[in-house]
Amino acid sequence: MDNLQSRVLTATQTINDLTGYSAIEAIKARNSQLETDHAAAQRRLRNARQNYKSLTAHRAATQREVTTLLARQATWTPPDLERFTSLYRLDHELETQVSAASAELTEAETDESRLGGELNAGILKRYHEEQIWSDRIRRQSTWGTWGLMGVNVLMFLVLQFVAEPWRRKRLMRGIAEKERGVMDEVRRELEEVRTALEKSGLREVAVATSAATAEADKADSSPSILPTTETPPSPPSAADLTPPPPTEPTQRWDVPGKPWRDVLVDYWEDPELLREAVLDLSSDRRIDLRMRDASLIALQGAAAGATVALVLAVSLFRSSLF
């Protein structure tokens, strides 16, 4: 698990280096440090301001008490003299402390203002760099999408006009070779049957056998598409030579088209129809399809795949930004 986590971190760092996001990561780390320093500077400023206010208030109270003692200087007693001396000494110490607190407050305000300015500048710089990076990635993703669509179209053209004709030609060649062997065997057996019939004196059956041999030769000169896998025919009899009864031509039944609302209503009323329709999508039923329709389906699939890839890429980049 630790090895997998380290690999993920390494891959993330490599992707950031390739896309130029490492500089933005450095700016984000710098801004985080500035936020910490700025918070500490604000706490220091609050403490310095509170200390300065308390010292100033203490000194003001001391000065008021000194002023009160000076107002009744003529009636001083020995404790009043000691109190005045201690207050005067305390006022001198408070003056020094107030000066130091004032300097510390000024320094804290300067430091807090400097860190606040650097933090604002860092935030603006990060926003600017992320905008530039987003525009660059958007352009690259656009070109990548066009490239992916071009590869899909190229693969479709290669499959339709190079691979598919070659495969069809090879299949036809194999079928023709198999059919030629089967037809040679059929001709040989028909010759044997005709010879046997001629020897037995059945001339009419021999003539019918000759006609069947001629048809076999004609079929051999123009082989069909599907290979012949049937067993060699048995010698024809009189019942086989009788012409079959005429069959009535079959009629083609076209299912009348229905509006999609009626179809949805039928599916809602009878869920079995929907189940049969879904199962029919993966059945072995054969359908006739024109090359133009197949090309349109392939192009639509390629366009849909490219669109989904573009939407996923844009969603991932936006989520990484926020």
C-alpha atoms as a PDB file:
ATOM      1  CA  MET A   1       0.000   0.000   0.000  1.00  0.00           C
ATOM      2  CA  ASP A   2       2.848   2.385   0.862  1.00  0.00           C
ATOM      3  CA  ASN A   3       4.581   1.520  -2.411  1.00  0.00           C
ATOM      4  CA  LEU A   4       1.379   2.242  -4.340  1.00  0.00           C
ATOM      5  CA  GLN A   5       0.952   5.569  -2.547  1.00  0.00           C
ATOM      6  CA  SER A   6       4.538   6.573  -3.321  1.00  0.00           C
ATOM      7  CA  ARG A   7       4.044   5.658  -6.971  1.00  0.00           C
ATOM      8  CA  VAL A   8       0.880   7.736  -7.135  1.00  0.00           C
ATOM      9  CA  LEU A   9       2.688  10.723  -5.623  1.00  0.00           C
ATOM     10  CA  THR A  10       5.579  10.284  -8.056  1.00  0.00           C
ATOM     11  CA  ALA A  11       3.195  10.077 -11.013  1.00  0.00           C
ATOM     12  CA  THR A  12       1.339  13.175  -9.807  1.00  0.00           C
ATOM     13  CA  GLN A  13       4.592  15.108  -9.469  1.00  0.00           C
ATOM     14  CA  THR A  14       5.687  14.010 -12.952  1.00  0.00           C
ATOM     15  CA  ILE A  15       2.375  15.127 -14.459  1.00  0.00           C
ATOM     16  CA  ASN A  16       2.654  18.480 -12.673  1.00  0.00           C
ATOM     17  CA  ASP A  17       6.185  18.937 -14.021  1.00  0.00           C
ATOM     18  CA  LEU A  18       5.088  18.108 -17.561  1.00  0.00           C
ATOM     19  CA  THR A  19       2.062  20.410 -17.474  1.00  0.00           C
ATOM     20  CA  GLY A  20       3.849  23.266 -15.684  1.00  0.00           C
ATOM     21  CA  TYR A  21       1.744  23.057 -12.512  1.00  0.00           C
ATOM     22  CA  SER A  22       4.779  22.672 -10.228  1.00  0.00           C
ATOM     23  CA  ALA A  23       5.354  26.454 -10.256  1.00  0.00           C
ATOM     24  CA  ILE A  24       1.760  26.970  -9.116  1.00  0.00           C
ATOM     25  CA  GLU A  25       2.292  24.402  -6.354  1.00  0.00           C
ATOM     26  CA  ALA A  26       5.338  26.380  -5.177  1.00  0.00           C
ATOM     27  CA  ILE A  27       3.269  29.587  -5.134  1.00  0.00           C
ATOM     28  CA  LYS A  28       0.549  27.809  -3.140  1.00  0.00           C
ATOM     29  CA  ALA A  29       3.110  26.580  -0.589  1.00  0.00           C
ATOM     30  CA  ARG A  30       4.552  30.099  -0.314  1.00  0.00           C
ATOM     31  CA  ASN A  31       1.059  31.531   0.208  1.00  0.00           C
ATOM     32  CA  SER A  32       0.349  28.965   2.924  1.00  0.00           C
ATOM     33  CA  GLN A  33       3.524  29.996   4.743  1.00  0.00           C
ATOM     34  CA  LEU A  34       2.597  33.663   4.339  1.00  0.00           C
ATOM     35  CA  GLU A  35      -0.860  32.975   5.768  1.00  0.00           C
ATOM     36  CA  THR A  36       0.730  31.357   8.833  1.00  0.00           C
ATOM     37  CA  ASP A  37       3.191  34.248   9.281  1.00  0.00           C
ATOM     38  CA  HIS A  38       0.441  36.817   8.772  1.00  0.00           C
ATOM     39  CA  ALA A  39      -1.744  35.165  11.423  1.00  0.00           C
ATOM     40  CA  ALA A  40       1.202  35.183  13.859  1.00  0.00           C
ATOM     41  CA  ALA A  41       1.882  38.849  13.048  1.00  0.00           C
ATOM     42  CA  GLN A  42      -1.753  39.712  13.725  1.00  0.00           C
ATOM     43  CA  ARG A  43      -1.616  37.966  17.109  1.00  0.00           C
ATOM     44  CA  ARG A  44       1.608  39.826  17.935  1.00  0.00           C
ATOM     45  CA  LEU A  45       0.000  43.121  16.897  1.00  0.00           C
ATOM     46  CA  ARG A  46      -3.018  42.498  19.126  1.00  0.00           C
ATOM     47  CA  ASN A  47      -0.785  41.655  22.102  1.00  0.00           C
ATOM     48  CA  ALA A  48       1.429  44.710  21.503  1.00  0.00           C
ATOM     49  CA  ARG A  49      -1.587  46.990  21.214  1.00  0.00           C
ATOM     50  CA  GLN A  50      -3.115  45.561  24.398  1.00  0.00           C
ATOM     51  CA  ASN A  51       0.197  45.932  26.272  1.00  0.00           C
ATOM     52  CA  TYR A  52       0.605  49.502  25.066  1.00  0.00           C
ATOM     53  CA  LYS A  53      -2.930  50.412  26.152  1.00  0.00           C
ATOM     54  CA  SER A  54      -2.503  48.877  29.625  1.00  0.00           C
ATOM     55  CA  LEU A  55       0.848  50.611  30.209  1.00  0.00           C
ATOM     56  CA  THR A  56      -0.559  53.926  29.031  1.00  0.00           C
ATOM     57  CA  ALA A  57      -3.559  53.589  31.344  1.00  0.00           C
ATOM     58  CA  HIS A  58      -1.315  52.646  34.294  1.00  0.00           C
ATOM     59  CA  ARG A  59       0.959  55.634  33.688  1.00  0.00           C
ATOM     60  CA  ALA A  60      -2.037  57.964  33.385  1.00  0.00           C
ATOM     61  CA  ALA A  61      -3.360  56.736  36.743  1.00  0.00           C
ATOM     62  CA  THR A  62       0.070  57.243  38.305  1.00  0.00           C
ATOM     63  CA  GLN A  63       0.312  60.760  36.911  1.00  0.00           C
ATOM     64  CA  ARG A  64      -3.143  61.619  38.270  1.00  0.00           C
ATOM     65  CA  GLU A  65      -2.134  60.418  41.725  1.00  0.00           C
ATOM     66  CA  VAL A  66       1.099  62.444  41.559  1.00  0.00           C
ATOM     67  CA  THR A  67      -0.884  65.514  40.563  1.00  0.00           C
ATOM     68  CA  THR A  68      -3.213  64.977  43.530  1.00  0.00           C
ATOM     69  CA  LEU A  69      -0.272  64.742  45.933  1.00  0.00           C
ATOM     70  CA  LEU A  70       1.319  67.870  44.482  1.00  0.00           C
ATOM     71  CA  ALA A  71      -1.946  69.744  44.980  1.00  0.00           C
ATOM     72  CA  ARG A  72      -1.704  69.238  48.758  1.00  0.00           C
ATOM     73  CA  GLN A  73       2.050  69.449  49.029  1.00  0.00           C
ATOM     74  CA  ALA A  74       1.817  71.850  52.027  1.00  0.00           C
ATOM     75  CA  THR A  75       0.091  69.216  54.161  1.00  0.00           C
ATOM     76  CA  TRP A  76       2.313  66.264  53.329  1.00  0.00           C
ATOM     77  CA  THR A  77       3.052  63.712  55.955  1.00  0.00           C
ATOM     78  CA  PRO A  78       6.018  61.300  55.903  1.00  0.00           C
ATOM     79  CA  PRO A  79       3.889  58.555  54.246  1.00  0.00           C
ATOM     80  CA  ASP A  80       2.804  61.063  51.596  1.00  0.00           C
ATOM     81  CA  LEU A  81       6.444  61.878  50.884  1.00  0.00           C
ATOM     82  CA  GLU A  82       7.306  58.194  50.536  1.00  0.00           C
ATOM     83  CA  ARG A  83       4.271  57.706  48.301  1.00  0.00           C
ATOM     84  CA  PHE A  84       5.284  60.619  46.079  1.00  0.00           C
ATOM     85  CA  THR A  85       8.828  59.274  45.788  1.00  0.00           C
ATOM     86  CA  SER A  86       7.603  55.792  44.815  1.00  0.00           C
ATOM     87  CA  LEU A  87       5.083  57.213  42.347  1.00  0.00           C
ATOM     88  CA  TYR A  88       7.728  59.397  40.727  1.00  0.00           C
ATOM     89  CA  ARG A  89      10.056  56.403  40.382  1.00  0.00           C
ATOM     90  CA  LEU A  90       7.171  54.282  38.994  1.00  0.00           C
ATOM     91  CA  ASP A  91       6.245  56.980  36.503  1.00  0.00           C
ATOM     92  CA  HIS A  92       9.811  57.024  35.216  1.00  0.00           C
ATOM     93  CA  GLU A  93       9.759  53.221  34.787  1.00  0.00           C
ATOM     94  CA  LEU A  94       6.362  53.353  33.101  1.00  0.00           C
ATOM     95  CA  GLU A  95       7.616  55.998  30.705  1.00  0.00           C
ATOM     96  CA  THR A  96      10.422  53.676  29.638  1.00  0.00           C
ATOM     97  CA  GLN A  97       8.005  50.744  29.276  1.00  0.00           C
ATOM     98  CA  VAL A  98       5.524  52.841  27.277  1.00  0.00           C
ATOM     99  CA  SER A  99       8.298  53.894  24.906  1.00  0.00           C
ATOM    100  CA  ALA A 100       9.348  50.265  24.410  1.00  0.00           C
ATOM    101  CA  ALA A 101       5.708  49.178  23.939  1.00  0.00           C
ATOM    102  CA  SER A 102       5.170  51.950  21.412  1.00  0.00           C
ATOM    103  CA  ALA A 103       8.215  50.842  19.431  1.00  0.00           C
ATOM    104  CA  GLU A 104       7.077  47.214  19.574  1.00  0.00           C
ATOM    105  CA  LEU A 105       3.582  48.237  18.441  1.00  0.00           C
ATOM    106  CA  THR A 106       5.001  50.181  15.510  1.00  0.00           C
ATOM    107  CA  GLU A 107       7.187  47.220  14.507  1.00  0.00           C
ATOM    108  CA  ALA A 108       4.237  44.804  14.788  1.00  0.00           C
ATOM    109  CA  GLU A 109       2.061  47.055  12.640  1.00  0.00           C
ATOM    110  CA  THR A 110       4.807  47.329  10.018  1.00  0.00           C
ATOM    111  CA  ASP A 111       5.385  43.568  10.003  1.00  0.00           C
ATOM    112  CA  GLU A 112       1.654  42.831   9.763  1.00  0.00           C
ATOM    113  CA  SER A 113       1.215  45.304   6.918  1.00  0.00           C
ATOM    114  CA  ARG A 114       4.194  43.863   5.031  1.00  0.00           C
ATOM    115  CA  LEU A 115       3.014  40.268   5.385  1.00  0.00           C
ATOM    116  CA  GLY A 116      -0.533  41.246   4.387  1.00  0.00           C
ATOM    117  CA  GLY A 117       0.760  42.913   1.229  1.00  0.00           C
ATOM    118  CA  GLU A 118       2.930  39.893   0.353  1.00  0.00           C
ATOM    119  CA  LEU A 119      -0.017  37.553   0.940  1.00  0.00           C
ATOM    120  CA  ASN A 120      -2.298  39.597  -1.325  1.00  0.00           C
ATOM    121  CA  ALA A 121       0.397  39.712  -4.007  1.00  0.00           C
ATOM    122  CA  GLY A 122       0.881  35.933  -3.715  1.00  0.00           C
ATOM    123  CA  ILE A 123      -2.847  35.296  -4.079  1.00  0.00           C
ATOM    124  CA  LEU A 124      -3.015  37.504  -7.171  1.00  0.00           C
ATOM    125  CA  LYS A 125       0.060  35.812  -8.642  1.00  0.00           C
ATOM    126  CA  ARG A 126      -1.416  32.365  -8.037  1.00  0.00           C
ATOM    127  CA  TYR A 127      -4.689  33.385  -9.679  1.00  0.00           C
ATOM    128  CA  HIS A 128      -2.812  34.799 -12.684  1.00  0.00           C
ATOM    129  CA  GLU A 129      -0.620  31.703 -13.083  1.00  0.00           C
ATOM    130  CA  GLU A 130      -3.603  29.368 -12.758  1.00  0.00           C
ATOM    131  CA  GLN A 131      -5.442  31.286 -15.467  1.00  0.00           C
ATOM    132  CA  ILE A 132      -2.441  30.985 -17.788  1.00  0.00           C
ATOM    133  CA  TRP A 133      -2.076  27.269 -16.991  1.00  0.00           C
ATOM    134  CA  SER A 134      -5.798  26.661 -17.532  1.00  0.00           C
ATOM    135  CA  ASP A 135      -5.724  28.379 -20.929  1.00  0.00           C
ATOM    136  CA  ARG A 136      -2.676  26.365 -21.973  1.00  0.00           C
ATOM    137  CA  ILE A 137      -4.218  23.057 -20.873  1.00  0.00           C
ATOM    138  CA  ARG A 138      -7.480  23.965 -22.614  1.00  0.00           C
ATOM    139  CA  ARG A 139      -5.631  24.588 -25.884  1.00  0.00           C
ATOM    140  CA  GLN A 140      -3.672  21.361 -25.531  1.00  0.00           C
ATOM    141  CA  SER A 141      -6.813  19.376 -24.723  1.00  0.00           C
ATOM    142  CA  THR A 142      -8.526  20.847 -27.789  1.00  0.00           C
ATOM    143  CA  TRP A 143      -5.671  19.778 -30.044  1.00  0.00           C
ATOM    144  CA  GLY A 144      -5.582  16.401 -28.311  1.00  0.00           C
ATOM    145  CA  THR A 145      -9.292  15.928 -28.936  1.00  0.00           C
ATOM    146  CA  TRP A 146      -8.884  16.760 -32.610  1.00  0.00           C
ATOM    147  CA  GLY A 147      -5.948  14.370 -32.792  1.00  0.00           C
ATOM    148  CA  LEU A 148      -7.975  11.601 -31.153  1.00  0.00           C
ATOM    149  CA  MET A 149     -10.821  12.165 -33.588  1.00  0.00           C
ATOM    150  CA  GLY A 150      -8.355  12.055 -36.480  1.00  0.00           C
ATOM    151  CA  VAL A 151      -6.910   8.763 -35.234  1.00  0.00           C
ATOM    152  CA  ASN A 152     -10.420   7.307 -34.911  1.00  0.00           C
ATOM    153  CA  VAL A 153     -11.336   8.398 -38.435  1.00  0.00           C
ATOM    154  CA  LEU A 154      -8.040   7.037 -39.798  1.00  0.00           C
ATOM    155  CA  MET A 155      -8.578   3.689 -38.081  1.00  0.00           C
ATOM    156  CA  PHE A 156     -12.114   3.546 -39.452  1.00  0.00           C
ATOM    157  CA  LEU A 157     -10.907   4.240 -42.994  1.00  0.00           C
ATOM    158  CA  VAL A 158      -8.134   1.654 -42.712  1.00  0.00           C
ATOM    159  CA  LEU A 159     -10.536  -0.976 -41.406  1.00  0.00           C
ATOM    160  CA  GLN A 160     -13.223  -0.239 -43.998  1.00  0.00           C
ATOM    161  CA  PHE A 161     -11.090   0.172 -47.121  1.00  0.00           C
ATOM    162  CA  VAL A 162      -7.982  -1.938 -46.390  1.00  0.00           C
ATOM    163  CA  ALA A 163      -8.514  -4.568 -43.719  1.00  0.00           C
ATOM    164  CA  GLU A 164     -12.128  -5.439 -44.479  1.00  0.00           C
ATOM    165  CA  PRO A 165     -11.649  -5.965 -48.282  1.00  0.00           C
ATOM    166  CA  TRP A 166      -8.526  -8.042 -47.628  1.00  0.00           C
ATOM    167  CA  ARG A 167     -10.363 -10.196 -45.093  1.00  0.00           C
ATOM    168  CA  ARG A 168     -13.352 -10.590 -47.414  1.00  0.00           C
ATOM    169  CA  LYS A 169     -11.096 -11.542 -50.332  1.00  0.00           C
ATOM    170  CA  ARG A 170      -9.256 -14.119 -48.242  1.00  0.00           C
ATOM    171  CA  LEU A 171     -12.565 -15.556 -47.012  1.00  0.00           C
ATOM    172  CA  MET A 172     -13.919 -15.783 -50.567  1.00  0.00           C
ATOM    173  CA  ARG A 173     -10.721 -17.484 -51.727  1.00  0.00           C
ATOM    174  CA  GLY A 174     -10.985 -20.082 -48.974  1.00  0.00           C
ATOM    175  CA  ILE A 175     -14.668 -20.675 -49.693  1.00  0.00           C
ATOM    176  CA  ALA A 176     -13.966 -21.072 -53.413  1.00  0.00           C
ATOM    177  CA  GLU A 177     -11.210 -23.624 -52.759  1.00  0.00           C
ATOM    178  CA  LYS A 178     -13.417 -25.667 -50.443  1.00  0.00           C
ATOM    179  CA  GLU A 179     -16.344 -25.513 -52.869  1.00  0.00           C
ATOM    180  CA  ARG A 180     -14.134 -26.546 -55.784  1.00  0.00           C
ATOM    181  CA  GLY A 181     -13.053 -29.669 -53.928  1.00  0.00           C
ATOM    182  CA  VAL A 182     -16.634 -30.531 -53.012  1.00  0.00           C
ATOM    183  CA  MET A 183     -17.854 -29.977 -56.587  1.00  0.00           C
ATOM    184  CA  ASP A 184     -15.076 -32.219 -57.968  1.00  0.00           C
ATOM    185  CA  GLU A 185     -16.184 -34.953 -55.617  1.00  0.00           C
ATOM    186  CA  VAL A 186     -19.830 -34.469 -56.650  1.00  0.00           C
ATOM    187  CA  ARG A 187     -18.907 -34.612 -60.362  1.00  0.00           C
ATOM    188  CA  ARG A 188     -16.922 -37.778 -59.836  1.00  0.00           C
ATOM    189  CA  GLU A 189     -19.789 -39.474 -58.029  1.00  0.00           C
ATOM    190  CA  LEU A 190     -22.276 -38.327 -60.681  1.00  0.00           C
ATOM    191  CA  GLU A 191     -20.033 -39.792 -63.397  1.00  0.00           C
ATOM    192  CA  GLU A 192     -19.928 -43.086 -61.540  1.00  0.00           C
ATOM    193  CA  VAL A 193     -23.712 -43.068 -61.172  1.00  0.00           C
ATOM    194  CA  ARG A 194     -24.201 -42.260 -64.862  1.00  0.00           C
ATOM    195  CA  THR A 195     -21.822 -45.017 -65.906  1.00  0.00           C
ATOM    196  CA  ALA A 196     -23.606 -47.485 -63.688  1.00  0.00           C
ATOM    197  CA  LEU A 197     -26.994 -46.435 -65.038  1.00  0.00           C
ATOM    198  CA  GLU A 198     -25.813 -46.714 -68.638  1.00  0.00           C
ATOM    199  CA  LYS A 199     -24.591 -50.193 -67.948  1.00  0.00           C
ATOM    200  CA  SER A 200     -27.900 -51.144 -66.359  1.00  0.00           C
ATOM    201  CA  GLY A 201     -29.904 -49.804 -69.381  1.00  0.00           C
ATOM    202  CA  LEU A 202     -31.779 -46.937 -67.696  1.00  0.00           C
ATOM    203  CA  ARG A 203     -31.201 -44.337 -70.402  1.00  0.00           C
ATOM    204  CA  GLU A 204     -33.704 -41.769 -69.130  1.00  0.00           C
ATOM    205  CA  VAL A 205     -32.156 -41.696 -65.708  1.00  0.00           C
ATOM    206  CA  ALA A 206     -28.733 -41.396 -67.354  1.00  0.00           C
ATOM    207  CA  VAL A 207     -29.903 -38.338 -69.295  1.00  0.00           C
ATOM    208  CA  ALA A 208     -31.134 -36.732 -66.051  1.00  0.00           C
ATOM    209  CA  THR A 209     -27.804 -37.533 -64.440  1.00  0.00           C
ATOM    210  CA  SER A 210     -25.993 -35.858 -67.355  1.00  0.00           C
ATOM    211  CA  ALA A 211     -28.119 -32.743 -66.850  1.00  0.00           C
ATOM    212  CA  ALA A 212     -27.229 -32.741 -63.142  1.00  0.00           C
ATOM    213  CA  THR A 213     -23.546 -33.038 -64.057  1.00  0.00           C
ATOM    214  CA  ALA A 214     -23.858 -30.064 -66.425  1.00  0.00           C
ATOM    215  CA  GLU A 215     -25.441 -28.011 -63.640  1.00  0.00           C
ATOM    216  CA  ALA A 216     -22.625 -29.020 -61.319  1.00  0.00           C
ATOM    217  CA  ASP A 217     -20.076 -27.839 -63.918  1.00  0.00           C
ATOM    218  CA  LYS A 218     -21.903 -24.531 -64.227  1.00  0.00           C
ATOM    219  CA  ALA A 219     -21.916 -24.081 -60.435  1.00  0.00           C
ATOM    220  CA  ASP A 220     -18.200 -24.847 -60.386  1.00  0.00           C
ATOM    221  CA  SER A 221     -17.508 -22.125 -62.961  1.00  0.00           C
ATOM    222  CA  SER A 222     -19.273 -19.510 -60.729  1.00  0.00           C
ATOM    223  CA  PRO A 223     -18.837 -20.573 -57.063  1.00  0.00           C
ATOM    224  CA  SER A 224     -21.285 -19.255 -54.533  1.00  0.00           C
ATOM    225  CA  ILE A 225     -20.366 -17.268 -51.449  1.00  0.00           C
ATOM    226  CA  LEU A 226     -21.317 -19.824 -48.801  1.00  0.00           C
ATOM    227  CA  PRO A 227     -19.294 -23.060 -48.618  1.00  0.00           C
ATOM    228  CA  THR A 228     -21.036 -26.373 -49.408  1.00  0.00           C
ATOM    229  CA  THR A 229     -20.930 -28.598 -46.342  1.00  0.00           C
ATOM    230  CA  GLU A 230     -23.611 -31.106 -47.353  1.00  0.00           C
ATOM    231  CA  THR A 231     -22.851 -34.777 -48.002  1.00  0.00           C
ATOM    232  CA  PRO A 232     -22.589 -36.000 -51.629  1.00  0.00           C
ATOM    233  CA  PRO A 233     -26.030 -36.692 -53.119  1.00  0.00           C
ATOM    234  CA  SER A 234     -27.308 -40.199 -53.573  1.00  0.00           C
ATOM    235  CA  PRO A 235     -28.242 -41.465 -57.037  1.00  0.00           C
ATOM    236  CA  PRO A 236     -31.444 -39.777 -58.239  1.00  0.00           C
ATOM    237  CA  SER A 237     -34.602 -41.807 -58.362  1.00  0.00           C
ATOM    238  CA  ALA A 238     -37.769 -41.401 -60.391  1.00  0.00           C
ATOM    239  CA  ALA A 239     -39.428 -39.551 -57.529  1.00  0.00           C
ATOM    240  CA  ASP A 240     -36.493 -37.102 -57.402  1.00  0.00           C
ATOM    241  CA  LEU A 241     -36.760 -36.388 -61.136  1.00  0.00           C
ATOM    242  CA  THR A 242     -40.418 -35.379 -60.927  1.00  0.00           C
ATOM    243  CA  PRO A 243     -40.778 -31.592 -60.913  1.00  0.00           C
ATOM    244  CA  PRO A 244     -41.747 -30.145 -57.527  1.00  0.00           C
ATOM    245  CA  PRO A 245     -45.210 -28.583 -57.173  1.00  0.00           C
ATOM    246  CA  PRO A 246     -45.303 -24.842 -57.752  1.00  0.00           C
ATOM    247  CA  THR A 247     -45.002 -22.831 -54.572  1.00  0.00           C
ATOM    248  CA  GLU A 248     -46.929 -19.688 -53.924  1.00  0.00           C
ATOM    249  CA  PRO A 249     -44.824 -16.534 -53.706  1.00  0.00           C
ATOM    250  CA  THR A 250     -44.243 -15.393 -50.151  1.00  0.00           C
ATOM    251  CA  GLN A 251     -45.521 -11.989 -49.184  1.00  0.00           C
ATOM    252  CA  ARG A 252     -43.403  -9.511 -47.276  1.00  0.00           C
ATOM    253  CA  TRP A 253     -45.075  -8.074 -44.205  1.00  0.00           C
ATOM    254  CA  ASP A 254     -43.994  -4.610 -43.192  1.00  0.00           C
ATOM    255  CA  VAL A 255     -44.610  -3.677 -39.598  1.00  0.00           C
ATOM    256  CA  PRO A 256     -46.444  -0.347 -39.566  1.00  0.00           C
ATOM    257  CA  GLY A 257     -44.470   2.409 -37.850  1.00  0.00           C
ATOM    258  CA  LYS A 258     -45.812   3.706 -34.536  1.00  0.00           C
ATOM    259  CA  PRO A 259     -45.155   7.013 -32.799  1.00  0.00           C
ATOM    260  CA  TRP A 260     -42.633   6.849 -29.991  1.00  0.00           C
ATOM    261  CA  ARG A 261     -45.286   7.872 -27.455  1.00  0.00           C
ATOM    262  CA  ASP A 262     -47.379   4.816 -28.359  1.00  0.00           C
ATOM    263  CA  VAL A 263     -44.279   2.639 -28.123  1.00  0.00           C
ATOM    264  CA  LEU A 264     -43.527   3.975 -24.622  1.00  0.00           C
ATOM    265  CA  VAL A 265     -47.148   3.368 -23.590  1.00  0.00           C
ATOM    266  CA  ASP A 266     -46.927  -0.225 -24.880  1.00  0.00           C
ATOM    267  CA  TYR A 267     -43.692  -0.780 -22.940  1.00  0.00           C
ATOM    268  CA  TRP A 268     -45.287   0.692 -19.809  1.00  0.00           C
ATOM    269  CA  GLU A 269     -48.401  -1.500 -20.085  1.00  0.00           C
ATOM    270  CA  ASP A 270     -46.496  -4.688 -20.995  1.00  0.00           C
ATOM    271  CA  PRO A 271     -42.936  -4.812 -19.547  1.00  0.00           C
ATOM    272  CA  GLU A 272     -42.388  -8.115 -21.340  1.00  0.00           C
ATOM    273  CA  LEU A 273     -42.205  -6.217 -24.659  1.00  0.00           C
ATOM    274  CA  LEU A 274     -39.413  -4.047 -23.260  1.00  0.00           C
ATOM    275  CA  ARG A 275     -37.567  -7.118 -22.028  1.00  0.00           C
ATOM    276  CA  GLU A 276     -37.836  -8.780 -25.445  1.00  0.00           C
ATOM    277  CA  ALA A 277     -36.621  -5.595 -27.150  1.00  0.00           C
ATOM    278  CA  VAL A 278     -33.593  -5.392 -24.835  1.00  0.00           C
ATOM    279  CA  LEU A 279     -32.750  -9.075 -25.358  1.00  0.00           C
ATOM    280  CA  ASP A 280     -33.088  -8.609 -29.123  1.00  0.00           C
ATOM    281  CA  LEU A 281     -30.243  -6.073 -29.027  1.00  0.00           C
ATOM    282  CA  SER A 282     -27.793  -8.890 -28.173  1.00  0.00           C
ATOM    283  CA  SER A 283     -29.442 -11.687 -30.168  1.00  0.00           C
ATOM    284  CA  ASP A 284     -28.030 -13.562 -33.183  1.00  0.00           C
ATOM    285  CA  ARG A 285     -30.623 -12.169 -35.582  1.00  0.00           C
ATOM    286  CA  ARG A 286     -29.094 -11.180 -38.941  1.00  0.00           C
ATOM    287  CA  ILE A 287     -29.878  -7.785 -40.470  1.00  0.00           C
ATOM    288  CA  ASP A 288     -29.042  -6.154 -43.788  1.00  0.00           C
ATOM    289  CA  LEU A 289     -26.987  -2.974 -43.515  1.00  0.00           C
ATOM    290  CA  ARG A 290     -25.679  -0.661 -46.205  1.00  0.00           C
ATOM    291  CA  MET A 291     -22.065   0.478 -46.219  1.00  0.00           C
ATOM    292  CA  ARG A 292     -23.214   4.091 -45.900  1.00  0.00           C
ATOM    293  CA  ASP A 293     -25.203   3.246 -42.770  1.00  0.00           C
ATOM    294  CA  ALA A 294     -22.217   1.415 -41.282  1.00  0.00           C
ATOM    295  CA  SER A 295     -19.988   4.404 -42.032  1.00  0.00           C
ATOM    296  CA  LEU A 296     -22.465   6.783 -40.379  1.00  0.00           C
ATOM    297  CA  ILE A 297     -22.689   4.561 -37.286  1.00  0.00           C
ATOM    298  CA  ALA A 298     -18.899   4.387 -37.002  1.00  0.00           C
ATOM    299  CA  LEU A 299     -18.515   8.159 -37.424  1.00  0.00           C
ATOM    300  CA  GLN A 300     -21.220   8.797 -34.827  1.00  0.00           C
ATOM    301  CA  GLY A 301     -19.497   6.425 -32.405  1.00  0.00           C
ATOM    302  CA  ALA A 302     -16.152   8.152 -32.944  1.00  0.00           C
ATOM    303  CA  ALA A 303     -17.707  11.588 -32.414  1.00  0.00           C
ATOM    304  CA  ALA A 304     -19.515  10.405 -29.270  1.00  0.00           C
ATOM    305  CA  GLY A 305     -16.316   8.899 -27.860  1.00  0.00           C
ATOM    306  CA  ALA A 306     -14.368  12.088 -28.552  1.00  0.00           C
ATOM    307  CA  THR A 307     -17.103  14.189 -26.910  1.00  0.00           C
ATOM    308  CA  VAL A 308     -17.159  12.010 -23.792  1.00  0.00           C
ATOM    309  CA  ALA A 309     -13.351  12.142 -23.576  1.00  0.00           C
ATOM    310  CA  LEU A 310     -13.412  15.950 -23.884  1.00  0.00           C
ATOM    311  CA  VAL A 311     -16.096  16.312 -21.188  1.00  0.00           C
ATOM    312  CA  LEU A 312     -14.172  14.030 -18.805  1.00  0.00           C
ATOM    313  CA  ALA A 313     -10.906  15.906 -19.425  1.00  0.00           C
ATOM    314  CA  VAL A 314     -12.521  19.308 -18.795  1.00  0.00           C
ATOM    315  CA  SER A 315     -14.234  18.004 -15.628  1.00  0.00           C
ATOM    316  CA  LEU A 316     -10.953  16.606 -14.277  1.00  0.00           C
ATOM    317  CA  PHE A 317      -9.063  19.835 -14.963  1.00  0.00           C
ATOM    318  CA  ARG A 318     -11.776  21.960 -13.337  1.00  0.00           C
ATOM    319  CA  SER A 319     -11.880  19.723 -10.263  1.00  0.00           C
ATOM    320  CA  SER A 320      -8.074  19.923  -9.972  1.00  0.00           C
ATOM    321  CA  LEU A 321      -8.259  23.719 -10.098  1.00  0.00           C
ATOM    322  CA  PHE A 322     -10.697  23.946  -7.186  1.00  0.00           C
END
